Amino acid sequence: MKILLATDFSEENQMLFPYAIDLIRATGGKIMLFHAYMDQIVLGDMNFPDGFSADTYFNRELRTEMKKQATEHMNEKQQQLQQLLTQNNIPNVVIEPVLKGGSPEFELLELTETEKPDLILMGTKGKGRKAFLEGSIAKSLMSKVNVPLLAIPENYTWRTNNDILYATNFGKFEISTIHQLIELTKKHHPIIHIVHLLFDPKDQRAGLLMNELEQAFAAAKDTKRLRFHLVEAKHAATALQEFTENHAISLAAFIANKRSWLHYIFKDKVGKEDFFQLGIPLLAFKCPDS
């Protein structure tokens, strides 16, 4: 397994390490420890004498210092991750540090295209709450990358995924995506709650589609892990929160769409904030045709 772990070097961001270890424990493989620092700095001052450019002098010095500090932080985080792997007796994992200067989102997208990891792991808040791992960037990446992206809320403590919520709107890629989810989480054999929010109680079509989805997994090996729910809802956020609390959900999964992020899931009834406000890890799968 190859995991692309994006870090901003903050202490809070170390919450990602237990997830990476848990995911890669059984298979071994590679953890790409990624960080991008902004190296496009422009300092100008009209009082500089002719022939002395702030852009060439100060920017060069600042970029050098930023790279030096980022390298030191990367070495520190790599050592911490290696110590955790050793403590957990996981010898078959290689840590590859990847340090880039530039736009974090752009660099991460490029790295994903070239390296083709099995999963991207990142936080939803960044250092100082305005760094590249902030929630808005995670939301943007979810609909752009071609691999599953697991986003962990700031200060969230790792716990075994015993109950997972998968949000469905009965799209044509639901079956293959659910199979992906089963494969990614098979180590813990969690209960996967396949949920559709029913905003119109008279919508008989939803019941028929849920039954079809359930029948598609009737002969599956892990069918006992699946639970199917039609949840009546007036407000998406309230319904999702109540379901999450009542079923002790530790992970919410869904298909993200480039055109309108969650449009593919619940049309205009559910916004992206409804999921992020749950305060639990989010696993996004990109819609294949978006």
Protein backbone atom coordinates (compact mmCIF):
# COMPACT_ATOMS: atom_id res chain seq x y z
CA MET A 1 0.00 0.00 0.00
CA LYS A 2 1.17 3.52 -0.75
CA ILE A 3 -0.11 6.35 1.44
CA LEU A 4 0.47 10.03 0.70
CA LEU A 5 0.45 11.70 4.10
CA ALA A 6 0.28 15.51 3.89
CA THR A 7 1.57 17.31 6.98
CA ASP A 8 1.97 20.93 8.03
CA PHE A 9 4.43 19.95 10.82
CA SER A 10 2.10 21.08 13.61
CA GLU A 11 1.79 19.00 16.77
CA GLU A 12 -1.93 18.63 16.14
CA ASN A 13 -1.19 17.19 12.72
CA GLN A 14 0.54 14.19 14.28
CA MET A 15 -2.94 12.73 14.80
CA LEU A 16 -2.51 11.48 11.22
CA PHE A 17 0.29 9.08 12.15
CA PRO A 18 -1.89 6.47 13.94
CA TYR A 19 -4.23 6.36 10.93
CA ALA A 20 -1.34 5.80 8.54
CA ILE A 21 0.06 3.05 10.75
CA ASP A 22 -3.31 1.36 11.10
CA LEU A 23 -3.95 1.43 7.35
CA ILE A 24 -0.56 0.10 6.31
CA ARG A 25 0.05 -2.35 9.14
CA ALA A 26 -1.28 -5.44 7.36
CA THR A 27 0.10 -4.80 3.89
CA GLY A 28 3.33 -2.91 4.41
CA GLY A 29 4.44 -0.52 1.69
CA LYS A 30 5.35 3.14 1.57
CA ILE A 31 4.31 6.29 3.41
CA MET A 32 5.13 9.42 1.45
CA LEU A 33 5.49 12.18 4.03
CA PHE A 34 4.60 15.32 2.10
CA HIS A 35 4.97 19.00 2.92
CA ALA A 36 4.85 22.09 0.70
CA TYR A 37 6.01 25.50 1.82
CA MET A 38 5.09 28.72 0.07
CA ASP A 39 8.25 29.94 -1.66
CA GLN A 40 6.73 32.70 -3.77
CA ILE A 41 7.58 35.72 -1.63
CA VAL A 42 7.64 39.25 -2.97
CA LEU A 43 9.10 42.04 -0.87
CA GLY A 44 9.40 45.42 -2.49
CA ASP A 45 10.52 48.81 -1.34
CA MET A 46 10.72 51.84 -3.58
CA ASN A 47 13.49 53.26 -1.35
CA PHE A 48 16.03 50.63 -2.45
CA PRO A 49 18.84 52.17 -4.54
CA ASP A 50 19.03 51.37 -8.25
CA GLY A 51 20.55 48.03 -8.98
CA PHE A 52 19.49 46.51 -5.66
CA SER A 53 16.41 44.33 -6.01
CA ALA A 54 14.39 43.23 -3.03
CA ASP A 55 13.04 40.42 -5.13
CA THR A 56 16.42 38.93 -5.93
CA TYR A 57 18.08 39.54 -2.58
CA PHE A 58 15.51 39.24 0.23
CA ASN A 59 13.35 36.66 -1.51
CA ARG A 60 16.36 34.48 -2.15
CA GLU A 61 17.42 34.68 1.47
CA LEU A 62 13.91 33.99 2.75
CA ARG A 63 13.43 31.03 0.44
CA THR A 64 16.72 29.56 1.57
CA GLU A 65 15.76 29.95 5.22
CA MET A 66 12.27 28.54 4.66
CA LYS A 67 13.65 25.48 2.90
CA LYS A 68 16.20 24.97 5.68
CA GLN A 69 13.51 25.12 8.38
CA ALA A 70 11.16 22.89 6.41
CA THR A 71 13.93 20.31 5.96
CA GLU A 72 14.63 20.30 9.69
CA HIS A 73 10.93 19.85 10.49
CA MET A 74 10.62 17.10 7.89
CA ASN A 75 13.54 15.19 9.42
CA GLU A 76 11.94 15.52 12.86
CA LYS A 77 8.54 14.24 11.68
CA GLN A 78 10.14 11.40 9.74
CA GLN A 79 11.95 10.28 12.89
CA GLN A 80 8.75 10.45 14.93
CA LEU A 81 6.85 8.38 12.37
CA GLN A 82 9.68 5.85 12.18
CA GLN A 83 9.68 5.52 15.97
CA LEU A 84 5.96 4.76 15.93
CA LEU A 85 6.45 2.12 13.24
CA THR A 86 9.20 0.52 15.30
CA GLN A 87 7.14 0.62 18.49
CA ASN A 88 4.27 -1.06 16.66
CA ASN A 89 6.62 -3.69 15.22
CA ILE A 90 5.96 -2.77 11.59
CA PRO A 91 9.25 -3.33 9.74
CA ASN A 92 8.01 -3.53 6.16
CA VAL A 93 7.21 0.16 5.63
CA VAL A 94 9.41 2.71 3.88
CA ILE A 95 9.04 6.40 4.72
CA GLU A 96 9.79 8.70 1.80
CA PRO A 97 9.98 12.42 2.64
CA VAL A 98 8.75 14.74 -0.11
CA LEU A 99 9.43 18.44 0.36
CA LYS A 100 8.17 20.92 -2.23
CA GLY A 101 8.30 24.66 -2.61
CA GLY A 102 5.17 26.13 -4.13
CA SER A 103 1.40 26.02 -3.86
CA PRO A 104 0.55 23.13 -1.52
CA GLU A 105 -2.64 22.20 -3.36
CA PHE A 106 -0.98 22.27 -6.78
CA GLU A 107 2.05 20.30 -5.60
CA LEU A 108 -0.13 17.70 -3.92
CA LEU A 109 -2.24 17.27 -7.05
CA GLU A 110 0.86 16.86 -9.20
CA LEU A 111 2.38 14.35 -6.79
CA THR A 112 -0.84 12.36 -6.77
CA GLU A 113 -0.81 12.16 -10.56
CA THR A 114 2.80 11.00 -10.77
CA GLU A 115 2.93 8.67 -7.75
CA LYS A 116 -0.63 7.31 -7.88
CA PRO A 117 -0.97 6.52 -4.15
CA ASP A 118 -3.69 4.23 -2.86
CA LEU A 119 -4.87 6.88 -0.41
CA ILE A 120 -4.25 10.51 0.56
CA LEU A 121 -4.27 11.22 4.29
CA MET A 122 -4.51 14.79 5.56
CA GLY A 123 -5.97 17.01 8.27
CA THR A 124 -8.84 19.44 7.96
CA LYS A 125 -7.18 22.27 9.83
CA GLY A 126 -3.70 23.63 9.41
CA LYS A 127 -1.05 25.31 11.52
CA GLY A 128 -2.44 28.61 12.70
CA ARG A 129 -5.79 27.49 11.23
CA LYS A 130 -4.91 29.10 7.90
CA ALA A 131 -2.36 26.71 6.45
CA PHE A 132 -2.73 24.40 3.48
CA LEU A 133 -4.42 21.64 5.45
CA GLU A 134 -7.33 23.89 6.35
CA GLY A 135 -10.78 22.47 5.71
CA SER A 136 -11.40 24.45 2.53
CA ILE A 137 -8.35 22.92 0.86
CA ALA A 138 -9.35 19.43 1.89
CA LYS A 139 -12.80 20.03 0.40
CA SER A 140 -11.27 21.24 -2.84
CA LEU A 141 -8.91 18.28 -3.14
CA MET A 142 -11.66 15.75 -2.47
CA SER A 143 -13.25 16.54 -5.80
CA LYS A 144 -9.99 16.76 -7.76
CA VAL A 145 -7.79 13.82 -6.82
CA ASN A 146 -8.37 10.46 -8.45
CA VAL A 147 -7.75 8.40 -5.32
CA PRO A 148 -9.62 8.16 -2.00
CA LEU A 149 -8.87 11.01 0.41
CA LEU A 150 -9.16 10.56 4.16
CA ALA A 151 -9.45 13.84 6.08
CA ILE A 152 -9.03 13.86 9.85
CA PRO A 153 -10.38 16.76 11.96
CA GLU A 154 -7.97 18.71 14.09
CA ASN A 155 -7.52 17.25 17.60
CA TYR A 156 -9.50 14.10 16.72
CA THR A 157 -8.22 11.05 18.57
CA TRP A 158 -7.78 7.85 16.61
CA ARG A 159 -10.22 5.06 17.34
CA THR A 160 -11.10 1.83 15.58
CA ASN A 161 -13.68 2.22 12.83
CA ASN A 162 -16.39 -0.08 14.15
CA ASP A 163 -19.30 1.79 12.53
CA ILE A 164 -19.04 3.71 9.26
CA LEU A 165 -21.63 5.86 7.52
CA TYR A 166 -21.72 5.76 3.72
CA ALA A 167 -23.98 8.39 2.13
CA THR A 168 -25.72 7.32 -1.05
CA ASN A 169 -27.98 8.86 -3.65
CA PHE A 170 -28.18 5.65 -5.72
CA GLY A 171 -25.75 6.77 -8.41
CA LYS A 172 -24.31 4.35 -10.94
CA PHE A 173 -20.96 4.11 -9.12
CA GLU A 174 -22.33 3.25 -5.67
CA ILE A 175 -21.70 -0.50 -5.87
CA SER A 176 -18.06 -0.21 -6.95
CA THR A 177 -17.42 2.51 -4.38
CA ILE A 178 -18.92 0.47 -1.56
CA HIS A 179 -16.68 -2.42 -2.58
CA GLN A 180 -13.72 -0.04 -2.33
CA LEU A 181 -14.85 1.00 1.12
CA ILE A 182 -15.17 -2.62 2.23
CA GLU A 183 -11.66 -3.36 0.98
CA LEU A 184 -10.10 -0.31 2.67
CA THR A 185 -11.69 -1.11 6.03
CA LYS A 186 -11.58 -4.91 5.98
CA LYS A 187 -8.95 -5.08 8.73
CA HIS A 188 -11.45 -4.01 11.39
CA HIS A 189 -14.57 -5.57 9.80
CA PRO A 190 -16.75 -2.58 10.70
CA ILE A 191 -20.48 -2.27 10.24
CA ILE A 192 -21.05 -0.08 7.18
CA HIS A 193 -24.30 1.86 7.39
CA ILE A 194 -25.46 2.76 3.89
CA VAL A 195 -27.64 5.81 4.38
CA HIS A 196 -29.96 7.77 2.13
CA LEU A 197 -31.60 10.91 3.50
CA LEU A 198 -35.28 10.88 2.64
CA PHE A 199 -36.58 14.44 2.42
CA ASP A 200 -39.92 13.33 0.99
CA PRO A 201 -41.54 10.50 3.04
CA LYS A 202 -43.83 9.75 0.07
CA ASP A 203 -40.87 9.04 -2.21
CA GLN A 204 -41.48 5.36 -3.01
CA ARG A 205 -38.69 5.35 -5.58
CA ALA A 206 -36.09 5.70 -2.84
CA GLY A 207 -37.30 2.53 -1.18
CA LEU A 208 -37.10 0.60 -4.43
CA LEU A 209 -33.61 1.87 -5.17
CA MET A 210 -32.39 1.03 -1.67
CA ASN A 211 -33.80 -2.48 -2.08
CA GLU A 212 -31.94 -2.84 -5.40
CA LEU A 213 -28.72 -1.70 -3.76
CA GLU A 214 -29.19 -4.16 -0.93
CA GLN A 215 -29.87 -6.99 -3.38
CA ALA A 216 -26.65 -6.16 -5.23
CA PHE A 217 -24.74 -7.23 -2.12
CA ALA A 218 -26.96 -10.15 -1.11
CA ALA A 219 -24.41 -12.73 -2.22
CA ALA A 220 -21.32 -10.76 -1.22
CA LYS A 221 -18.84 -12.27 1.21
CA ASP A 222 -19.11 -9.35 3.63
CA THR A 223 -22.85 -8.82 3.32
CA LYS A 224 -23.31 -9.13 7.10
CA ARG A 225 -21.24 -6.00 7.52
CA LEU A 226 -23.75 -3.90 5.59
CA ARG A 227 -26.80 -2.13 7.01
CA PHE A 228 -29.20 -0.18 4.80
CA HIS A 229 -31.10 2.86 6.10
CA LEU A 230 -33.66 5.27 4.70
CA VAL A 231 -33.49 8.19 7.12
CA GLU A 232 -36.31 10.73 7.06
CA ALA A 233 -34.88 14.22 7.24
CA LYS A 234 -36.10 17.79 7.38
CA HIS A 235 -32.63 19.24 7.79
CA ALA A 236 -29.58 17.38 6.48
CA ALA A 237 -27.18 18.52 9.19
CA THR A 238 -29.53 17.49 12.00
CA ALA A 239 -30.31 14.11 10.46
CA LEU A 240 -26.66 13.31 9.84
CA GLN A 241 -25.65 14.40 13.33
CA GLU A 242 -28.37 12.36 15.00
CA PHE A 243 -27.53 9.25 12.98
CA THR A 244 -23.82 9.67 13.73
CA GLU A 245 -24.46 9.95 17.46
CA ASN A 246 -27.05 7.15 17.64
CA HIS A 247 -24.81 4.68 15.82
CA ALA A 248 -21.44 5.78 17.22
CA ILE A 249 -20.18 6.53 13.72
CA SER A 250 -16.40 7.03 13.54
CA LEU A 251 -16.07 7.67 9.79
CA ALA A 252 -18.31 9.19 7.13
CA ALA A 253 -17.74 8.20 3.50
CA PHE A 254 -19.20 9.53 0.26
CA ILE A 255 -18.57 10.19 -3.42
CA ALA A 256 -17.36 13.72 -4.13
CA ASN A 257 -18.10 15.41 -7.42
CA LYS A 258 -15.95 18.03 -9.16
CA ARG A 259 -18.88 20.04 -10.45
CA SER A 260 -20.57 20.66 -7.14
CA TRP A 261 -18.78 18.59 -4.49
CA LEU A 262 -21.82 16.92 -2.95
CA HIS A 263 -24.28 17.56 -5.75
CA TYR A 264 -23.87 13.95 -6.83
CA ILE A 265 -24.97 12.75 -3.42
CA PHE A 266 -27.98 14.76 -2.34
CA LYS A 267 -28.57 17.36 -5.05
CA ASP A 268 -29.18 20.68 -3.30
CA LYS A 269 -30.33 19.20 0.02
CA VAL A 270 -26.91 18.62 1.60
CA GLY A 271 -23.97 20.99 1.69
CA LYS A 272 -20.35 20.12 2.24
CA GLU A 273 -20.39 21.78 5.65
CA ASP A 274 -22.99 19.29 6.85
CA PHE A 275 -20.37 16.55 6.71
CA PHE A 276 -17.45 18.59 8.00
CA GLN A 277 -19.52 19.73 10.97
CA LEU A 278 -19.86 16.13 12.14
CA GLY A 279 -16.36 16.45 13.55
CA ILE A 280 -15.33 12.93 12.51
CA PRO A 281 -12.95 11.60 9.83
CA LEU A 282 -14.25 11.88 6.27
CA LEU A 283 -13.39 9.51 3.43
CA ALA A 284 -14.10 10.89 -0.04
CA PHE A 285 -14.16 8.92 -3.26
CA LYS A 286 -14.02 10.85 -6.51
CA CYS A 287 -16.85 10.28 -8.96
CA PRO A 288 -15.21 8.48 -11.91
CA ASP A 289 -16.84 10.62 -14.59
CA SER A 290 -16.39 14.02 -12.89
